[in-house]
Amino acid sequence: FIFKQCQCILIQPTNDEKIWKTHCCVALNAIYQLLAFGSTNGQGFVYYIDELTASLQLAFKIQLSVENFPDLVENLGALCSMKWSPDYRVLCTLWESGAFGIWTVFGILLHCSHSSDQALDPRQSYAFCHVIEWGPDGYTLWIASNKSSTSLPTVTDDDVEVPVQNSSQLMLLNFLKSSVINNPHSGSIEHLLLQSEDKVYLYLSGNQQSNNGNNNGLSISVGCDVGWQVIQLPQLYIHNNWPIKFACIDNTGQYLAVAGQHGFVHLSLFTRKWKLFGNAGQERDIRVVGGLLWWKEFIICGCTSTSENRDEIRLYSRLTNLDNQFSNVTRLQSPIICLNIYDDTIIVFSYDLHIMLYALERKEGKPGKDKENDF
């Protein structure tokens, strides 16, 4: 394989980087500017472009260690498929033998379909997977197989195992993400917040756990001594705005805000009451793209108004109804990449590579679009 670096429309032959490997698949990471190649010997190679020398440099290898997977490594076969997750932070690799692995963008193995002491067993569903595909936003991984296996048993009504010929299977693996992946801010780092496609998993810091006491049925026990609050979003909201895009919790650990495809909702963990937009048109008009923040009793969102096709920062109070007549709006010239907050200051990073600081200050009077500079 020969990679030619292209500058504008001119190809510079002197910048060719030759990779003398027999490759059978390739995956491009546009966000982190990585090129991943799978080879016939079962190894993967991930390269980045060195801006100083304009050449390909090896970032890391995708390779199962012999120490941890002694029986599996010898039977992997070619690395035949590689798929980056939709957010480009995770890479799924599939070998010819049917085993698959999941790696971070920095080359750390998160999961392998076979444990370290497990050889390839055709009776295991993972042993003969041949197609992998990520679901929306990377919350799910679809795995398919149509290989025949006479060793794969099925159980009849008489509890008798019978081999099945030409068995096809479709499997779905679900994943949780840390909320700071899509919403990186320092407002509530003392609390652990994970999100799935339709639920939020919350673990409060030690002080907040003791202060909250009874969580009114939201808390369940996971493991031995770790208390998680598993929070299901309102069906009325998640049905129209699946999946979850952003989630954040305030410093007190009492109030949660979650955004899907359009609009957002917020929850009081003490009363277990959700607040949704009363006007469905206003909800559909907001598409949160830059993140969610809490400031005192206010929810701050970096969003796009779909009806007016403009980028905005909006503030809504949790003490009032979710309605635009109770919001403060500041217009921006460029879409928001991310938001952060420090004391009473909002930090905004936009697509035009500008960093803007906004001072937050309470003002008397009715908020709304006629007062777009209230902060």
Foldseek 3Di string as FASTA:
>chain_A
DKDWDDDPNDTDVVAIDDDPFAFQDWDAQPVQQWIWTWGQLGKIWIWHQDPVSRHTDTQDMAADDCVQAVQANVPQGTFNDWDAAPVRQKIKTATQQQKIWIAGPNGHTDDIPAGSPDHQDVQDPSRAWDDWDADPPRQKIKTKGQQFDQPHWDQDPVRDTGGDGRDIDIDMDGDKDWQCVQAPEDFAVQKTWIDHFFKIKTFHHPVLCVVLPDQPPQWDDDPDPGIIGIGGDDCVPCVVFTGWRHKDAGNSRQKIWTHGQWAIKMAGSNVRDIADAPDVVNRRQWGFRAYWDDDPQKIWTFTAGNVVGFTWIKIAGPVDHPDQQQMAIATDPFGWNYWYDDNQWIWTQGPVRDIDIAGADDDDDGHHDVHNNND
